[in-house]
Amino acid sequence: MTNIAFIPVRAGSKSIPLKNIKILAGKPLVYWTAKAANDAECIDKVVIATDGQEIKDVVKSFDFQKVEIYDRKPENASDTASTESVMLEFLSVNKFNNDDKFFLIQATSPLLKSKHIDEMYQKYLSDKADSALSCVINKRFFWSKEGKSINYDYKNRPRRQDFDGFMMENGACYINSVGNIMREGNRLSGQISVYEMPEHTAVEIDEPDDFLLIEKLMEKHKND
């Protein structure tokens, strides 16, 4: 059985041009998740799927042992293309066994570490789940635009320390089998295992200010 880490990175980005190779804490953004996947004991192969030559050149400069590059098709690298579309493209042109495990890792989650990947995989196995995702606990109170409280009773407002909160996807990592993904066309399916990551990993890179915030968090949690 092979465990494949798959990191899709587009050259195009409306909010931040060439976002995936913009420097973060002294390294290109994609370096951090590529390193986490490369260093994870459970990962056999790391695939960076991109459509940009500049990104390819940067990734090659990392010289990570497990990392290889996949040339994604232009139609699956557009602003409207889904992540699932490039996953399915890659799996359809490569020969894998149905039982091989596919780890979708998103470069916009540079706070992901190799230990998180290994711990998540062990939980996925021990839960005997079909797929898995990473989450953080969110203890915010949510409302609809119509003024309806969604996840708590505002007439009996709980104290934060007494509120269990909800698990929120942080977008860092997903695990599924190749067979499930090809059959369902989705990163998740069947019985789903939830792996809890630290609260600060909820921050993802979407806007320019996120680089400033994540650099501070990386410095603070570098020895975690």
N, C-alpha and C. Protein backbone atom coordinates (compact mmCIF):
# COMPACT_ATOMS: atom_id res chain seq x y z
N MET A 1 0.84 -1.20 0.00
CA MET A 1 0.00 0.00 0.00
C MET A 1 0.87 1.25 0.00
N THR A 2 0.50 2.23 -0.82
CA THR A 2 1.25 3.47 -0.94
C THR A 2 0.45 4.62 -0.36
N ASN A 3 1.11 5.49 0.38
CA ASN A 3 0.49 6.70 0.92
C ASN A 3 1.00 7.90 0.13
N ILE A 4 0.09 8.54 -0.60
CA ILE A 4 0.45 9.66 -1.46
C ILE A 4 -0.05 10.97 -0.87
N ALA A 5 0.85 11.92 -0.67
CA ALA A 5 0.46 13.28 -0.28
C ALA A 5 0.35 14.11 -1.55
N PHE A 6 -0.75 14.81 -1.71
CA PHE A 6 -1.05 15.56 -2.93
C PHE A 6 -1.29 17.02 -2.57
N ILE A 7 -0.45 17.91 -3.11
CA ILE A 7 -0.56 19.34 -2.80
C ILE A 7 -0.81 20.11 -4.09
N PRO A 8 -2.06 20.53 -4.33
CA PRO A 8 -2.35 21.29 -5.55
C PRO A 8 -2.00 22.76 -5.38
N VAL A 9 -1.23 23.32 -6.31
CA VAL A 9 -0.86 24.75 -6.25
C VAL A 9 -1.01 25.37 -7.63
N ARG A 10 -1.90 26.33 -7.75
CA ARG A 10 -2.13 27.01 -9.02
C ARG A 10 -1.17 28.19 -9.17
N ALA A 11 -0.86 28.52 -10.41
CA ALA A 11 -0.07 29.72 -10.67
C ALA A 11 -0.92 30.97 -10.53
N GLY A 12 -2.19 30.83 -10.88
CA GLY A 12 -3.09 31.98 -10.84
C GLY A 12 -3.69 32.18 -9.46
N SER A 13 -3.77 33.44 -9.02
CA SER A 13 -4.42 33.78 -7.76
C SER A 13 -4.84 35.24 -7.85
N LYS A 14 -6.13 35.48 -7.71
CA LYS A 14 -6.63 36.85 -7.86
C LYS A 14 -6.25 37.73 -6.67
N SER A 15 -6.32 37.18 -5.47
CA SER A 15 -6.07 38.00 -4.27
C SER A 15 -4.59 38.27 -4.06
N ILE A 16 -3.73 37.27 -4.33
CA ILE A 16 -2.28 37.39 -4.13
C ILE A 16 -1.58 36.74 -5.32
N PRO A 17 -1.02 37.52 -6.24
CA PRO A 17 -0.33 36.94 -7.40
C PRO A 17 0.78 35.97 -6.97
N LEU A 18 0.82 34.80 -7.62
CA LEU A 18 1.80 33.76 -7.31
C LEU A 18 1.89 33.49 -5.80
N LYS A 19 0.73 33.43 -5.20
CA LYS A 19 0.61 33.26 -3.74
C LYS A 19 1.41 32.08 -3.22
N ASN A 20 1.38 30.98 -3.95
CA ASN A 20 1.97 29.74 -3.43
C ASN A 20 3.49 29.76 -3.34
N ILE A 21 4.14 30.74 -3.98
CA ILE A 21 5.59 30.86 -3.82
C ILE A 21 5.98 32.21 -3.22
N LYS A 22 5.01 32.93 -2.72
CA LYS A 22 5.31 34.17 -1.99
C LYS A 22 6.06 33.80 -0.71
N ILE A 23 7.02 34.60 -0.33
CA ILE A 23 7.87 34.27 0.82
C ILE A 23 7.11 34.41 2.13
N LEU A 24 7.20 33.37 2.93
CA LEU A 24 6.60 33.32 4.27
C LEU A 24 7.66 32.80 5.23
N ALA A 25 8.02 33.59 6.23
CA ALA A 25 9.04 33.19 7.20
C ALA A 25 10.32 32.72 6.51
N GLY A 26 10.69 33.43 5.44
CA GLY A 26 11.95 33.14 4.76
C GLY A 26 11.92 32.06 3.70
N LYS A 27 10.77 31.43 3.50
CA LYS A 27 10.65 30.35 2.51
C LYS A 27 9.38 30.57 1.67
N PRO A 28 9.35 30.05 0.44
CA PRO A 28 8.11 30.11 -0.35
C PRO A 28 6.98 29.38 0.37
N LEU A 29 5.78 29.89 0.23
CA LEU A 29 4.63 29.33 0.96
C LEU A 29 4.53 27.82 0.83
N VAL A 30 4.62 27.29 -0.40
CA VAL A 30 4.44 25.86 -0.60
C VAL A 30 5.54 25.03 0.06
N TYR A 31 6.65 25.64 0.39
CA TYR A 31 7.75 24.92 1.06
C TYR A 31 7.26 24.27 2.36
N TRP A 32 6.43 24.98 3.12
CA TRP A 32 6.10 24.53 4.47
C TRP A 32 5.27 23.24 4.46
N THR A 33 4.26 23.16 3.58
CA THR A 33 3.47 21.92 3.53
C THR A 33 4.24 20.81 2.81
N ALA A 34 5.06 21.19 1.83
CA ALA A 34 5.89 20.18 1.16
C ALA A 34 6.85 19.54 2.15
N LYS A 35 7.44 20.35 3.03
CA LYS A 35 8.36 19.84 4.04
C LYS A 35 7.63 18.97 5.05
N ALA A 36 6.43 19.42 5.48
CA ALA A 36 5.65 18.64 6.45
C ALA A 36 5.33 17.26 5.88
N ALA A 37 4.91 17.22 4.62
CA ALA A 37 4.57 15.94 3.99
C ALA A 37 5.82 15.10 3.76
N ASN A 38 6.89 15.71 3.30
CA ASN A 38 8.14 14.99 3.05
C ASN A 38 8.70 14.37 4.33
N ASP A 39 8.55 15.07 5.45
CA ASP A 39 9.11 14.60 6.72
C ASP A 39 8.18 13.66 7.48
N ALA A 40 6.93 13.54 7.05
CA ALA A 40 5.99 12.65 7.75
C ALA A 40 6.38 11.19 7.49
N GLU A 41 6.46 10.43 8.55
CA GLU A 41 6.88 9.03 8.42
C GLU A 41 5.90 8.20 7.60
N CYS A 42 4.62 8.54 7.65
CA CYS A 42 3.61 7.72 6.99
C CYS A 42 3.51 7.97 5.49
N ILE A 43 4.14 9.03 5.00
CA ILE A 43 4.02 9.41 3.59
C ILE A 43 5.13 8.77 2.75
N ASP A 44 4.74 8.14 1.64
CA ASP A 44 5.70 7.52 0.74
C ASP A 44 6.09 8.43 -0.42
N LYS A 45 5.14 9.22 -0.89
CA LYS A 45 5.36 10.06 -2.06
C LYS A 45 4.61 11.38 -1.88
N VAL A 46 5.26 12.49 -2.27
CA VAL A 46 4.63 13.81 -2.21
C VAL A 46 4.54 14.36 -3.62
N VAL A 47 3.33 14.69 -4.05
CA VAL A 47 3.10 15.19 -5.40
C VAL A 47 2.65 16.65 -5.33
N ILE A 48 3.41 17.53 -5.98
CA ILE A 48 3.00 18.94 -6.11
C ILE A 48 2.39 19.08 -7.49
N ALA A 49 1.10 19.37 -7.55
CA ALA A 49 0.39 19.49 -8.82
C ALA A 49 0.25 20.97 -9.18
N THR A 50 0.91 21.39 -10.25
CA THR A 50 0.89 22.81 -10.59
C THR A 50 0.87 23.01 -12.10
N ASP A 51 0.51 24.23 -12.51
CA ASP A 51 0.48 24.59 -13.92
C ASP A 51 1.50 25.68 -14.25
N GLY A 52 2.31 26.08 -13.26
CA GLY A 52 3.20 27.20 -13.45
C GLY A 52 4.67 26.81 -13.45
N GLN A 53 5.42 27.22 -14.48
CA GLN A 53 6.83 26.88 -14.57
C GLN A 53 7.62 27.48 -13.41
N GLU A 54 7.29 28.70 -13.02
CA GLU A 54 8.01 29.34 -11.91
C GLU A 54 7.84 28.54 -10.62
N ILE A 55 6.63 28.03 -10.41
CA ILE A 55 6.38 27.21 -9.22
C ILE A 55 7.17 25.90 -9.31
N LYS A 56 7.19 25.30 -10.49
CA LYS A 56 7.96 24.06 -10.68
C LYS A 56 9.43 24.27 -10.33
N ASP A 57 9.99 25.37 -10.81
CA ASP A 57 11.41 25.66 -10.56
C ASP A 57 11.67 25.84 -9.07
N VAL A 58 10.75 26.51 -8.39
CA VAL A 58 10.91 26.73 -6.95
C VAL A 58 10.84 25.40 -6.20
N VAL A 59 9.87 24.58 -6.54
CA VAL A 59 9.71 23.28 -5.86
C VAL A 59 10.94 22.39 -6.08
N LYS A 60 11.47 22.39 -7.30
CA LYS A 60 12.67 21.60 -7.58
C LYS A 60 13.85 22.04 -6.71
N SER A 61 13.90 23.33 -6.39
CA SER A 61 15.02 23.85 -5.59
C SER A 61 14.98 23.35 -4.15
N PHE A 62 13.83 22.85 -3.69
CA PHE A 62 13.74 22.33 -2.32
C PHE A 62 14.59 21.07 -2.16
N ASP A 63 14.65 20.28 -3.22
CA ASP A 63 15.43 19.04 -3.21
C ASP A 63 14.96 18.08 -2.11
N PHE A 64 13.63 18.00 -1.95
CA PHE A 64 13.07 17.05 -0.99
C PHE A 64 13.02 15.66 -1.63
N GLN A 65 13.41 14.66 -0.88
CA GLN A 65 13.57 13.30 -1.41
C GLN A 65 12.27 12.71 -1.95
N LYS A 66 11.17 12.96 -1.27
CA LYS A 66 9.90 12.32 -1.64
C LYS A 66 9.09 13.12 -2.66
N VAL A 67 9.50 14.34 -2.94
CA VAL A 67 8.67 15.26 -3.73
C VAL A 67 8.89 15.08 -5.23
N GLU A 68 7.76 15.04 -5.96
CA GLU A 68 7.80 15.07 -7.42
C GLU A 68 6.72 16.04 -7.91
N ILE A 69 6.82 16.44 -9.18
CA ILE A 69 5.91 17.45 -9.72
C ILE A 69 4.97 16.80 -10.73
N TYR A 70 3.70 17.20 -10.67
CA TYR A 70 2.72 16.76 -11.65
C TYR A 70 2.20 17.99 -12.41
N ASP A 71 2.22 17.92 -13.74
CA ASP A 71 1.73 19.01 -14.58
C ASP A 71 0.22 18.91 -14.72
N ARG A 72 -0.49 19.74 -13.98
CA ARG A 72 -1.95 19.69 -14.04
C ARG A 72 -2.44 20.38 -15.31
N LYS A 73 -3.57 19.93 -15.83
CA LYS A 73 -4.13 20.48 -17.04
C LYS A 73 -4.68 21.89 -16.80
N PRO A 74 -4.58 22.77 -17.79
CA PRO A 74 -5.05 24.16 -17.63
C PRO A 74 -6.51 24.25 -17.19
N GLU A 75 -7.36 23.36 -17.71
CA GLU A 75 -8.78 23.43 -17.35
C GLU A 75 -9.03 23.10 -15.88
N ASN A 76 -8.09 22.40 -15.26
CA ASN A 76 -8.22 22.09 -13.84
C ASN A 76 -7.34 22.99 -12.97
N ALA A 77 -6.92 24.12 -13.54
CA ALA A 77 -6.13 25.10 -12.79
C ALA A 77 -6.75 26.48 -12.92
N SER A 78 -7.99 26.54 -13.38
CA SER A 78 -8.68 27.82 -13.56
C SER A 78 -9.28 28.29 -12.25
N ASP A 79 -9.79 29.53 -12.26
CA ASP A 79 -10.41 30.09 -11.05
C ASP A 79 -11.64 29.31 -10.63
N THR A 80 -12.29 28.66 -11.59
CA THR A 80 -13.55 27.96 -11.29
C THR A 80 -13.36 26.46 -11.08
N ALA A 81 -12.16 25.96 -11.32
CA ALA A 81 -11.93 24.52 -11.16
C ALA A 81 -11.92 24.12 -9.69
N SER A 82 -12.50 22.98 -9.39
CA SER A 82 -12.51 22.50 -8.00
C SER A 82 -11.23 21.73 -7.70
N THR A 83 -10.93 21.61 -6.42
CA THR A 83 -9.78 20.78 -6.02
C THR A 83 -10.01 19.33 -6.42
N GLU A 84 -11.27 18.88 -6.29
CA GLU A 84 -11.59 17.51 -6.68
C GLU A 84 -11.26 17.24 -8.15
N SER A 85 -11.42 18.24 -9.00
CA SER A 85 -11.18 18.03 -10.43
C SER A 85 -9.72 17.68 -10.71
N VAL A 86 -8.79 18.35 -10.02
CA VAL A 86 -7.38 18.03 -10.26
C VAL A 86 -6.98 16.74 -9.55
N MET A 87 -7.60 16.44 -8.42
CA MET A 87 -7.39 15.15 -7.77
C MET A 87 -7.78 14.00 -8.70
N LEU A 88 -8.96 14.11 -9.27
CA LEU A 88 -9.47 13.04 -10.15
C LEU A 88 -8.64 12.96 -11.43
N GLU A 89 -8.21 14.10 -11.93
CA GLU A 89 -7.33 14.11 -13.11
C GLU A 89 -6.05 13.33 -12.83
N PHE A 90 -5.42 13.65 -11.70
CA PHE A 90 -4.17 12.98 -11.34
C PHE A 90 -4.36 11.48 -11.17
N LEU A 91 -5.41 11.09 -10.47
CA LEU A 91 -5.64 9.67 -10.20
C LEU A 91 -6.02 8.91 -11.47
N SER A 92 -6.65 9.60 -12.42
CA SER A 92 -7.09 8.92 -13.64
C SER A 92 -5.93 8.62 -14.59
N VAL A 93 -4.83 9.38 -14.47
CA VAL A 93 -3.69 9.18 -15.38
C VAL A 93 -2.52 8.47 -14.71
N ASN A 94 -2.69 8.10 -13.46
CA ASN A 94 -1.65 7.37 -12.74
C ASN A 94 -2.23 6.07 -12.21
N LYS A 95 -1.41 5.04 -12.16
CA LYS A 95 -1.87 3.73 -11.72
C LYS A 95 -1.64 3.54 -10.23
N PHE A 96 -2.72 3.54 -9.48
CA PHE A 96 -2.65 3.26 -8.05
C PHE A 96 -3.66 2.17 -7.71
N ASN A 97 -3.41 1.49 -6.60
CA ASN A 97 -4.36 0.50 -6.12
C ASN A 97 -5.50 1.20 -5.40
N ASN A 98 -6.67 0.59 -5.40
CA ASN A 98 -7.82 1.19 -4.73
C ASN A 98 -7.58 1.41 -3.25
N ASP A 99 -6.74 0.55 -2.64
CA ASP A 99 -6.47 0.65 -1.20
C ASP A 99 -5.38 1.66 -0.86
N ASP A 100 -4.68 2.17 -1.86
CA ASP A 100 -3.67 3.20 -1.58
C ASP A 100 -4.35 4.41 -0.95
N LYS A 101 -3.62 5.08 -0.07
CA LYS A 101 -4.20 6.22 0.65
C LYS A 101 -3.73 7.55 0.04
N PHE A 102 -4.68 8.45 -0.06
CA PHE A 102 -4.47 9.74 -0.72
C PHE A 102 -4.66 10.84 0.33
N PHE A 103 -3.59 11.60 0.58
CA PHE A 103 -3.62 12.69 1.55
C PHE A 103 -3.69 14.01 0.78
N LEU A 104 -4.82 14.66 0.81
CA LEU A 104 -4.93 15.99 0.20
C LEU A 104 -4.44 17.01 1.23
N ILE A 105 -3.39 17.74 0.86
CA ILE A 105 -2.81 18.75 1.75
C ILE A 105 -2.82 20.08 1.02
N GLN A 106 -3.27 21.13 1.69
CA GLN A 106 -3.42 22.42 1.03
C GLN A 106 -2.30 23.37 1.46
N ALA A 107 -1.63 23.94 0.45
CA ALA A 107 -0.47 24.79 0.70
C ALA A 107 -0.82 26.04 1.50
N THR A 108 -2.08 26.40 1.51
CA THR A 108 -2.52 27.58 2.25
C THR A 108 -2.62 27.33 3.75
N SER A 109 -2.21 26.14 4.20
CA SER A 109 -2.20 25.79 5.63
C SER A 109 -0.77 25.50 6.07
N PRO A 110 0.11 26.50 6.08
CA PRO A 110 1.52 26.27 6.38
C PRO A 110 1.80 25.94 7.84
N LEU A 111 0.80 26.02 8.70
CA LEU A 111 0.99 25.66 10.11
C LEU A 111 0.89 24.15 10.33
N LEU A 112 0.54 23.42 9.28
CA LEU A 112 0.54 21.96 9.34
C LEU A 112 1.96 21.45 9.52
N LYS A 113 2.15 20.50 10.43
CA LYS A 113 3.47 19.90 10.66
C LYS A 113 3.42 18.40 10.40
N SER A 114 4.59 17.82 10.22
CA SER A 114 4.67 16.39 9.91
C SER A 114 4.04 15.55 11.03
N LYS A 115 4.20 15.99 12.27
CA LYS A 115 3.62 15.22 13.37
C LYS A 115 2.09 15.19 13.30
N HIS A 116 1.49 16.29 12.79
CA HIS A 116 0.03 16.30 12.63
C HIS A 116 -0.39 15.26 11.60
N ILE A 117 0.35 15.17 10.50
CA ILE A 117 0.01 14.20 9.45
C ILE A 117 0.12 12.78 10.00
N ASP A 118 1.19 12.49 10.71
CA ASP A 118 1.37 11.14 11.26
C ASP A 118 0.32 10.81 12.31
N GLU A 119 0.03 11.76 13.19
CA GLU A 119 -1.00 11.52 14.22
C GLU A 119 -2.37 11.35 13.59
N MET A 120 -2.67 12.16 12.59
CA MET A 120 -3.96 12.06 11.91
C MET A 120 -4.12 10.69 11.24
N TYR A 121 -3.06 10.22 10.62
CA TYR A 121 -3.10 8.91 9.96
C TYR A 121 -3.31 7.79 10.96
N GLN A 122 -2.62 7.85 12.10
CA GLN A 122 -2.79 6.82 13.12
C GLN A 122 -4.22 6.82 13.67
N LYS A 123 -4.80 8.01 13.84
CA LYS A 123 -6.19 8.08 14.32
C LYS A 123 -7.15 7.52 13.27
N TYR A 124 -6.90 7.86 12.03
CA TYR A 124 -7.70 7.35 10.92
C TYR A 124 -7.70 5.81 10.90
N LEU A 125 -6.51 5.24 11.11
CA LEU A 125 -6.40 3.78 11.14
C LEU A 125 -7.10 3.20 12.36
N SER A 126 -6.87 3.79 13.53
CA SER A 126 -7.46 3.26 14.76
C SER A 126 -8.98 3.41 14.76
N ASP A 127 -9.49 4.45 14.11
CA ASP A 127 -10.93 4.64 14.01
C ASP A 127 -11.56 3.71 12.97
N LYS A 128 -10.71 3.06 12.18
CA LYS A 128 -11.16 2.19 11.09
C LYS A 128 -12.14 2.95 10.18
N ALA A 129 -11.77 4.19 9.89
CA ALA A 129 -12.63 5.07 9.11
C ALA A 129 -12.38 4.90 7.61
N ASP A 130 -13.31 5.40 6.82
CA ASP A 130 -13.15 5.41 5.37
C ASP A 130 -12.34 6.62 4.91
N SER A 131 -12.51 7.73 5.62
CA SER A 131 -11.79 8.96 5.28
C SER A 131 -11.61 9.79 6.54
N ALA A 132 -10.87 10.89 6.41
CA ALA A 132 -10.56 11.71 7.59
C ALA A 132 -10.34 13.16 7.18
N LEU A 133 -10.54 14.05 8.13
CA LEU A 133 -10.23 15.46 7.91
C LEU A 133 -9.70 16.09 9.18
N SER A 134 -8.95 17.17 9.01
CA SER A 134 -8.41 17.91 10.15
C SER A 134 -9.34 19.06 10.51
N CYS A 135 -9.49 19.29 11.80
CA CYS A 135 -10.38 20.34 12.30
C CYS A 135 -9.76 21.03 13.51
N VAL A 136 -10.36 22.16 13.87
CA VAL A 136 -10.05 22.82 15.14
C VAL A 136 -11.37 23.05 15.86
N ILE A 137 -11.31 23.18 17.18
CA ILE A 137 -12.52 23.51 17.93
C ILE A 137 -12.81 25.00 17.80
N ASN A 138 -14.05 25.31 17.43
CA ASN A 138 -14.47 26.70 17.31
C ASN A 138 -15.54 26.98 18.36
N LYS A 139 -15.29 27.98 19.21
CA LYS A 139 -16.23 28.31 20.28
C LYS A 139 -16.90 29.66 20.05
N ARG A 140 -16.99 30.08 18.80
CA ARG A 140 -17.71 31.31 18.47
C ARG A 140 -19.20 31.02 18.36
N PHE A 141 -20.00 32.06 18.58
CA PHE A 141 -21.45 31.95 18.45
C PHE A 141 -21.86 32.45 17.07
N PHE A 142 -22.63 31.64 16.35
CA PHE A 142 -22.99 31.97 14.97
C PHE A 142 -24.46 32.34 14.84
N TRP A 143 -24.70 33.29 13.92
CA TRP A 143 -26.05 33.77 13.64
C TRP A 143 -26.30 33.75 12.14
N SER A 144 -27.56 33.59 11.76
CA SER A 144 -27.94 33.71 10.35
C SER A 144 -28.14 35.18 10.01
N LYS A 145 -28.17 35.50 8.74
CA LYS A 145 -28.42 36.88 8.31
C LYS A 145 -29.82 37.34 8.69
N GLU A 146 -30.68 36.38 8.96
CA GLU A 146 -32.06 36.71 9.35
C GLU A 146 -32.19 36.95 10.85
N GLY A 147 -31.05 36.90 11.59
CA GLY A 147 -31.10 37.17 13.02
C GLY A 147 -31.47 35.97 13.86
N LYS A 148 -31.18 34.77 13.38
CA LYS A 148 -31.46 33.55 14.14
C LYS A 148 -30.16 32.97 14.68
N SER A 149 -30.13 32.67 15.98
CA SER A 149 -28.94 32.04 16.54
C SER A 149 -28.87 30.60 16.04
N ILE A 150 -27.66 30.19 15.63
CA ILE A 150 -27.50 28.90 14.96
C ILE A 150 -26.99 27.81 15.90
N ASN A 151 -25.99 28.13 16.72
CA ASN A 151 -25.35 27.06 17.48
C ASN A 151 -25.42 27.25 18.99
N TYR A 152 -26.31 28.12 19.44
CA TYR A 152 -26.53 28.27 20.89
C TYR A 152 -27.85 28.96 21.13
N ASP A 153 -28.31 28.91 22.36
CA ASP A 153 -29.54 29.58 22.78
C ASP A 153 -29.16 30.91 23.40
N TYR A 154 -29.44 32.02 22.72
CA TYR A 154 -29.02 33.33 23.23
C TYR A 154 -29.71 33.70 24.53
N LYS A 155 -30.83 33.05 24.84
CA LYS A 155 -31.52 33.33 26.11
C LYS A 155 -30.82 32.64 27.28
N ASN A 156 -29.99 31.67 26.95
CA ASN A 156 -29.21 30.97 27.99
C ASN A 156 -27.75 30.91 27.52
N ARG A 157 -27.15 32.09 27.37
CA ARG A 157 -25.80 32.18 26.82
C ARG A 157 -24.81 31.43 27.72
N PRO A 158 -24.13 30.42 27.16
CA PRO A 158 -23.16 29.68 27.98
C PRO A 158 -21.86 30.45 28.14
N ARG A 159 -21.16 30.21 29.24
CA ARG A 159 -19.81 30.75 29.37
C ARG A 159 -18.91 30.01 28.40
N ARG A 160 -17.89 30.71 27.91
CA ARG A 160 -17.04 30.09 26.89
C ARG A 160 -16.41 28.80 27.41
N GLN A 161 -16.01 28.78 28.69
CA GLN A 161 -15.36 27.60 29.24
C GLN A 161 -16.34 26.44 29.42
N ASP A 162 -17.64 26.74 29.39
CA ASP A 162 -18.64 25.68 29.52
C ASP A 162 -19.24 25.29 28.18
N PHE A 163 -18.79 25.95 27.11
CA PHE A 163 -19.34 25.70 25.77
C PHE A 163 -18.43 24.73 25.03
N ASP A 164 -18.97 23.59 24.62
CA ASP A 164 -18.16 22.58 23.92
C ASP A 164 -17.70 23.06 22.55
N GLY A 165 -18.49 23.94 21.95
CA GLY A 165 -18.14 24.43 20.62
C GLY A 165 -18.37 23.36 19.55
N PHE A 166 -17.85 23.64 18.36
CA PHE A 166 -18.02 22.72 17.24
C PHE A 166 -16.70 22.52 16.52
N MET A 167 -16.56 21.40 15.87
CA MET A 167 -15.36 21.14 15.10
C MET A 167 -15.47 21.86 13.75
N MET A 168 -14.46 22.63 13.42
CA MET A 168 -14.45 23.41 12.18
C MET A 168 -13.29 22.96 11.29
N GLU A 169 -13.57 22.69 10.03
CA GLU A 169 -12.50 22.33 9.10
C GLU A 169 -11.45 23.43 9.05
N ASN A 170 -10.18 23.06 9.12
CA ASN A 170 -9.13 24.07 8.95
C ASN A 170 -8.46 23.96 7.58
N GLY A 171 -8.92 23.01 6.78
CA GLY A 171 -8.46 22.90 5.40
C GLY A 171 -7.05 22.36 5.23
N ALA A 172 -6.45 21.88 6.29
CA ALA A 172 -5.04 21.47 6.22
C ALA A 172 -4.83 20.12 5.56
N CYS A 173 -5.60 19.11 5.98
CA CYS A 173 -5.33 17.75 5.51
C CYS A 173 -6.61 16.90 5.46
N TYR A 174 -6.69 16.08 4.44
CA TYR A 174 -7.79 15.14 4.27
C TYR A 174 -7.18 13.80 3.84
N ILE A 175 -7.77 12.71 4.30
CA ILE A 175 -7.28 11.38 3.92
C ILE A 175 -8.45 10.56 3.39
N ASN A 176 -8.20 9.84 2.30
CA ASN A 176 -9.20 8.90 1.79
C ASN A 176 -8.45 7.85 0.97
N SER A 177 -9.13 6.80 0.62
CA SER A 177 -8.51 5.80 -0.25
C SER A 177 -8.70 6.22 -1.70
N VAL A 178 -7.80 5.77 -2.55
CA VAL A 178 -7.91 6.07 -3.98
C VAL A 178 -9.24 5.56 -4.53
N GLY A 179 -9.62 4.34 -4.14
CA GLY A 179 -10.86 3.75 -4.63
C GLY A 179 -12.08 4.58 -4.26
N ASN A 180 -12.13 5.05 -3.02
CA ASN A 180 -13.26 5.87 -2.58
C ASN A 180 -13.35 7.16 -3.38
N ILE A 181 -12.21 7.81 -3.58
CA ILE A 181 -12.20 9.08 -4.31
C ILE A 181 -12.66 8.89 -5.75
N MET A 182 -12.17 7.85 -6.40
CA MET A 182 -12.55 7.60 -7.78
C MET A 182 -14.04 7.24 -7.90
N ARG A 183 -14.55 6.57 -6.91
CA ARG A 183 -15.96 6.16 -6.95
C ARG A 183 -16.89 7.30 -6.57
N GLU A 184 -16.55 8.07 -5.53
CA GLU A 184 -17.43 9.11 -5.02
C GLU A 184 -17.15 10.49 -5.61
N GLY A 185 -15.94 10.67 -6.18
CA GLY A 185 -15.59 11.98 -6.73
C GLY A 185 -15.44 13.05 -5.68
N ASN A 186 -15.05 12.63 -4.47
CA ASN A 186 -14.98 13.58 -3.35
C ASN A 186 -13.82 13.21 -2.44
N ARG A 187 -13.26 14.22 -1.78
CA ARG A 187 -12.15 13.97 -0.86
C ARG A 187 -12.59 13.22 0.39
N LEU A 188 -13.87 13.26 0.72
CA LEU A 188 -14.40 12.58 1.91
C LEU A 188 -15.53 11.65 1.51
N SER A 189 -15.64 10.55 2.26
CA SER A 189 -16.73 9.62 2.01
C SER A 189 -16.85 8.64 3.17
N GLY A 190 -18.01 8.00 3.25
CA GLY A 190 -18.23 6.95 4.24
C GLY A 190 -18.12 7.43 5.67
N GLN A 191 -17.55 6.57 6.52
CA GLN A 191 -17.33 6.92 7.92
C GLN A 191 -16.12 7.84 8.01
N ILE A 192 -16.30 9.01 8.61
CA ILE A 192 -15.26 10.04 8.60
C ILE A 192 -14.65 10.22 9.99
N SER A 193 -13.35 10.13 10.05
CA SER A 193 -12.59 10.37 11.28
C SER A 193 -12.22 11.84 11.35
N VAL A 194 -12.35 12.43 12.54
CA VAL A 194 -12.01 13.85 12.73
C VAL A 194 -10.77 13.96 13.61
N TYR A 195 -9.76 14.61 13.07
CA TYR A 195 -8.51 14.82 13.81
C TYR A 195 -8.44 16.27 14.26
N GLU A 196 -8.31 16.48 15.56
CA GLU A 196 -8.28 17.84 16.10
C GLU A 196 -6.85 18.40 16.09
N MET A 197 -6.68 19.54 15.44
CA MET A 197 -5.42 20.25 15.45
C MET A 197 -5.49 21.45 16.39
N PRO A 198 -4.35 22.03 16.79
CA PRO A 198 -4.37 23.17 17.71
C PRO A 198 -5.18 24.34 17.15
N GLU A 199 -5.74 25.11 18.06
CA GLU A 199 -6.66 26.19 17.67
C GLU A 199 -6.03 27.19 16.70
N HIS A 200 -4.73 27.47 16.87
CA HIS A 200 -4.10 28.48 16.01
C HIS A 200 -3.98 28.05 14.56
N THR A 201 -4.12 26.75 14.29
CA THR A 201 -4.00 26.28 12.91
C THR A 201 -5.26 26.53 12.09
N ALA A 202 -6.23 27.21 12.69
CA ALA A 202 -7.43 27.59 11.94
C ALA A 202 -7.11 28.64 10.89
N VAL A 203 -6.01 29.36 11.06
CA VAL A 203 -5.66 30.45 10.13
C VAL A 203 -5.09 29.87 8.84
N GLU A 204 -5.67 30.30 7.72
CA GLU A 204 -5.20 29.89 6.40
C GLU A 204 -4.76 31.14 5.61
N ILE A 205 -3.98 30.93 4.58
CA ILE A 205 -3.53 32.03 3.73
C ILE A 205 -4.57 32.29 2.63
N ASP A 206 -5.32 33.35 2.78
CA ASP A 206 -6.29 33.76 1.77
C ASP A 206 -6.06 35.19 1.30
N GLU A 207 -5.65 36.06 2.24
CA GLU A 207 -5.45 37.47 1.95
C GLU A 207 -4.04 37.90 2.38
N PRO A 208 -3.53 39.02 1.84
CA PRO A 208 -2.17 39.46 2.19
C PRO A 208 -1.90 39.56 3.68
N ASP A 209 -2.86 40.03 4.47
CA ASP A 209 -2.65 40.17 5.91
C ASP A 209 -2.42 38.84 6.60
N ASP A 210 -2.89 37.75 5.98
CA ASP A 210 -2.72 36.43 6.59
C ASP A 210 -1.25 36.04 6.68
N PHE A 211 -0.43 36.54 5.75
CA PHE A 211 1.01 36.25 5.80
C PHE A 211 1.62 36.82 7.08
N LEU A 212 1.22 38.03 7.42
CA LEU A 212 1.76 38.68 8.62
C LEU A 212 1.35 37.92 9.88
N LEU A 213 0.09 37.53 9.93
CA LEU A 213 -0.43 36.82 11.10
C LEU A 213 0.22 35.44 11.24
N ILE A 214 0.33 34.72 10.15
CA ILE A 214 0.88 33.36 10.22
C ILE A 214 2.37 33.38 10.54
N GLU A 215 3.09 34.38 10.06
CA GLU A 215 4.51 34.48 10.44
C GLU A 215 4.66 34.60 11.95
N LYS A 216 3.81 35.38 12.57
CA LYS A 216 3.84 35.52 14.04
C LYS A 216 3.50 34.19 14.72
N LEU A 217 2.50 33.49 14.19
CA LEU A 217 2.11 32.21 14.77
C LEU A 217 3.19 31.15 14.57
N MET A 218 3.84 31.16 13.42
CA MET A 218 4.92 30.20 13.18
C MET A 218 6.08 30.42 14.16
N GLU A 219 6.40 31.65 14.40
CA GLU A 219 7.47 31.96 15.35
C GLU A 219 7.09 31.52 16.75
N LYS A 220 5.85 31.79 17.13
CA LYS A 220 5.39 31.44 18.49
C LYS A 220 5.34 29.93 18.71
N HIS A 221 4.96 29.19 17.68
CA HIS A 221 4.72 27.74 17.84
C HIS A 221 5.79 26.89 17.16
N LYS A 222 6.95 27.46 16.88
CA LYS A 222 7.98 26.72 16.13
C LYS A 222 8.50 25.50 16.90
N ASN A 223 8.41 25.52 18.22
CA ASN A 223 8.92 24.40 19.01
C ASN A 223 7.82 23.49 19.53
N ASP A 224 6.60 23.71 19.07
CA ASP A 224 5.48 22.88 19.53
C ASP A 224 5.63 21.44 19.06
